[in-house]
Protein backbone atom coordinates (compact mmCIF):
# COMPACT_ATOMS: atom_id res chain seq x y z
CA MET A 1 -5.34 -93.05 54.67
CA GLU A 2 -4.59 -93.68 51.01
CA GLU A 3 -8.08 -94.43 49.71
CA GLY A 4 -11.69 -94.55 50.80
CA THR A 5 -15.14 -95.60 49.67
CA LEU A 6 -17.70 -92.94 48.85
CA ALA A 7 -20.56 -94.15 51.06
CA GLU A 8 -23.19 -91.46 50.52
CA TRP A 9 -23.76 -88.04 49.03
CA LEU A 10 -25.52 -85.86 51.62
CA VAL A 11 -26.41 -83.19 49.06
CA PRO A 12 -27.96 -83.88 45.62
CA ASP A 13 -26.24 -82.87 42.37
CA GLY A 14 -27.03 -79.28 41.40
CA GLU A 15 -27.90 -78.22 44.96
CA THR A 16 -26.58 -74.95 46.39
CA VAL A 17 -24.18 -75.57 49.29
CA ALA A 18 -22.56 -73.36 51.91
CA GLU A 19 -18.95 -73.50 53.09
CA GLY A 20 -18.66 -75.97 55.96
CA GLN A 21 -21.83 -77.88 55.04
CA PRO A 22 -21.38 -81.69 55.03
CA LEU A 23 -21.28 -82.95 51.41
CA TYR A 24 -20.59 -86.67 51.56
CA VAL A 25 -19.57 -89.60 53.75
CA LEU A 26 -16.19 -91.24 53.08
CA GLU A 27 -15.48 -94.64 54.65
CA SER A 28 -12.09 -96.20 55.32
CA ASP A 29 -11.17 -99.47 57.02
CA LYS A 30 -11.34 -97.80 60.43
CA SER A 31 -13.88 -94.98 60.24
CA ALA A 32 -16.55 -93.05 58.38
CA GLN A 33 -16.20 -89.28 58.05
CA GLU A 34 -18.51 -86.54 56.83
CA ILE A 35 -16.54 -84.29 54.48
CA GLU A 36 -17.46 -80.60 54.49
CA SER A 37 -17.71 -78.21 51.58
CA PRO A 38 -14.57 -76.09 51.10
CA GLY A 39 -16.64 -73.22 49.69
CA SER A 40 -20.09 -71.99 48.71
CA GLY A 41 -21.78 -72.49 45.34
CA THR A 42 -23.50 -75.21 43.32
CA LEU A 43 -22.39 -78.83 43.73
CA LYS A 44 -21.53 -80.74 40.54
CA ILE A 45 -21.10 -84.44 41.44
CA ALA A 46 -18.47 -86.40 39.50
CA ALA A 47 -18.13 -89.58 41.60
CA ALA A 48 -20.38 -92.58 42.17
CA VAL A 49 -21.45 -93.94 45.55
CA GLY A 50 -19.89 -97.30 46.40
CA GLU A 51 -16.70 -96.71 44.42
CA VAL A 52 -13.20 -96.54 45.94
CA TYR A 53 -11.22 -93.32 45.42
CA LYS A 54 -7.63 -92.38 46.21
CA VAL A 55 -6.78 -89.33 48.28
CA GLY A 56 -6.71 -86.36 45.90
CA ASP A 57 -9.24 -87.74 43.40
CA VAL A 58 -11.92 -85.23 42.38
CA LEU A 59 -15.34 -86.37 43.59
CA GLY A 60 -17.18 -83.20 42.64
CA GLU A 61 -16.76 -79.47 42.29
CA ILE A 62 -18.34 -76.33 43.67
CA VAL A 63 -19.06 -73.78 40.95
């Protein structure tokens, strides 16, 4: 997978999240995957739903 479409944020911007909690849905040509939080903190969203992003692009941060 080289890129994917951000289909949906599962957590609103500014919400407190826990490590392992699903954050967003990323769609590729063959599948849709829920991506989990790598850590705990407050989610700061930086990416828009419906846009295509390359692997490694920053979609948000946990602060």
